[in-house]
Amino acid sequence: MKITKLFFEEGGFFGVPEFGEIDLLNKTFKYSKGILDSERSGSAVKNDLNEEQIKSLQERIADLHLEDWQDEYSDNDILDGTQWSLKISFDNGKNKEIFGSNKYPDNFEAMKKLFDIN
């Protein structure tokens, strides 16, 4: 079972939301800060991915073992913090959604680097 698409979003009470999508089947990368509709966002980026980039992303994604992440990571002691979600599509048609609120898996920052979100 291979990952074919990742959609990541992160935002918080005071921050500007960020969105990223890696579509390995259609060979595209999208990133937007502030507005989900990337066609209207001033900071939107859309790139086509070449075969070398696809292979590199596939290897980096496999190293993260996202399929083993829990469905939810929450720290209920923090209010008005940062919320995030990751939607994963697999080549067998199944999907996995992961949600977090002020708590993260150990390799969360490595996952964010896939999208170059700081």
Protein backbone atom coordinates (compact mmCIF):
# COMPACT_ATOMS: atom_id res chain seq x y z
CA MET A 1 0.00 0.00 0.00
CA LYS A 2 1.60 3.24 -1.19
CA ILE A 3 0.75 6.81 -0.32
CA THR A 4 -0.47 8.75 -3.34
CA LYS A 5 -1.51 12.08 -1.82
CA LEU A 6 -0.95 14.16 1.32
CA PHE A 7 -2.96 17.20 2.37
CA PHE A 8 -1.71 19.09 5.41
CA GLU A 9 -3.14 22.09 7.19
CA GLU A 10 -2.03 23.90 10.30
CA GLY A 11 -3.36 26.96 12.06
CA GLY A 12 -3.97 28.41 15.43
CA PHE A 13 -5.77 31.04 17.41
CA PHE A 14 -3.33 33.80 16.48
CA GLY A 15 -1.53 32.36 13.46
CA VAL A 16 -2.21 32.42 9.75
CA PRO A 17 -3.34 29.01 8.47
CA GLU A 18 -1.07 27.13 6.10
CA PHE A 19 -2.07 24.44 3.62
CA GLY A 20 0.03 22.03 1.61
CA GLU A 21 -0.78 19.27 -0.84
CA ILE A 22 1.53 16.73 -2.43
CA ASP A 23 -0.16 14.72 -5.17
CA LEU A 24 2.22 12.00 -6.33
CA LEU A 25 -0.19 10.65 -8.99
CA ASN A 26 -0.75 14.00 -10.69
CA LYS A 27 2.81 15.10 -9.90
CA THR A 28 1.85 18.39 -8.28
CA PHE A 29 2.77 20.34 -5.16
CA LYS A 30 0.56 23.11 -3.78
CA TYR A 31 1.11 25.44 -0.86
CA SER A 32 -0.99 28.33 0.37
CA LYS A 33 -0.77 30.57 3.39
CA GLY A 34 -3.87 32.29 4.65
CA ILE A 35 -6.56 31.18 2.21
CA LEU A 36 -7.57 27.63 1.35
CA ASP A 37 -8.47 28.62 -2.22
CA SER A 38 -4.93 28.87 -3.57
CA GLU A 39 -6.13 30.56 -6.77
CA ARG A 40 -6.91 33.71 -4.76
CA SER A 41 -4.11 33.67 -2.23
CA GLY A 42 -1.20 36.04 -2.68
CA SER A 43 1.19 33.50 -1.19
CA ALA A 44 0.02 30.47 -3.17
CA VAL A 45 2.52 28.19 -4.87
CA LYS A 46 1.77 25.43 -7.35
CA ASN A 47 4.53 23.40 -8.93
CA ASP A 48 4.71 20.42 -11.19
CA LEU A 49 7.00 17.70 -9.86
CA ASN A 50 9.54 15.89 -12.01
CA GLU A 51 10.39 12.20 -11.68
CA GLU A 52 13.43 12.87 -9.48
CA GLN A 53 11.34 14.97 -7.08
CA ILE A 54 8.60 12.31 -7.00
CA LYS A 55 11.12 9.59 -6.15
CA SER A 56 12.72 11.73 -3.43
CA LEU A 57 9.31 12.54 -1.90
CA GLN A 58 8.26 8.87 -2.00
CA GLU A 59 11.42 7.90 -0.10
CA ARG A 60 11.03 10.69 2.46
CA ILE A 61 7.35 9.87 2.98
CA ALA A 62 8.11 6.15 3.41
CA ASP A 63 10.75 6.98 6.04
CA LEU A 64 8.11 8.81 8.12
CA HIS A 65 5.84 5.74 8.47
CA LEU A 66 2.75 7.96 8.44
CA GLU A 67 0.54 4.88 8.26
CA ASP A 68 1.60 4.14 11.85
CA TRP A 69 0.62 7.54 13.24
CA GLN A 70 -2.27 7.65 15.69
CA ASP A 71 -5.57 9.13 14.52
CA GLU A 72 -5.38 11.94 17.06
CA TYR A 73 -2.77 13.83 19.08
CA SER A 74 -4.30 16.22 21.62
CA ASP A 75 -3.10 18.11 24.67
CA ASN A 76 -6.30 19.22 26.37
CA ASP A 77 -4.39 21.32 28.92
CA ILE A 78 -3.57 23.96 26.28
CA LEU A 79 -6.32 26.23 24.97
CA ASP A 80 -6.17 28.41 21.86
CA GLY A 81 -3.01 26.73 20.59
CA THR A 82 -2.23 25.13 17.26
CA GLN A 83 -4.45 22.68 15.43
CA TRP A 84 -3.33 20.61 12.49
CA SER A 85 -4.56 17.81 10.27
CA LEU A 86 -3.05 15.43 7.75
CA LYS A 87 -5.12 13.58 5.17
CA ILE A 88 -3.43 10.63 3.50
CA SER A 89 -4.67 8.86 0.36
CA PHE A 90 -3.41 5.39 -0.54
CA ASP A 91 -3.22 3.59 -3.87
CA ASN A 92 -5.88 1.09 -2.75
CA GLY A 93 -8.47 3.89 -2.47
CA LYS A 94 -8.37 4.07 1.34
CA ASN A 95 -7.78 7.29 3.25
CA LYS A 96 -6.50 8.12 6.70
CA GLU A 97 -7.11 11.38 8.56
CA ILE A 98 -4.97 12.47 11.47
CA PHE A 99 -5.78 15.41 13.73
CA GLY A 100 -3.71 17.20 16.31
CA SER A 101 -4.21 19.95 18.84
CA ASN A 102 -1.09 21.18 20.63
CA LYS A 103 0.46 17.71 20.50
CA TYR A 104 2.53 16.07 17.79
CA PRO A 105 4.09 12.75 16.78
CA ASP A 106 7.87 12.53 17.18
CA ASN A 107 8.63 13.07 13.49
CA PHE A 108 6.09 15.85 12.93
CA GLU A 109 8.72 18.44 11.97
CA ALA A 110 10.19 16.06 9.38
CA MET A 111 6.71 15.68 7.89
CA LYS A 112 6.28 19.46 7.74
CA LYS A 113 9.56 19.75 5.85
CA LEU A 114 7.92 17.84 3.00
CA PHE A 115 5.81 20.96 2.50
CA ASP A 116 8.55 23.43 3.46
CA ILE A 117 6.24 24.81 6.15
CA ASN A 118 8.19 26.41 9.00
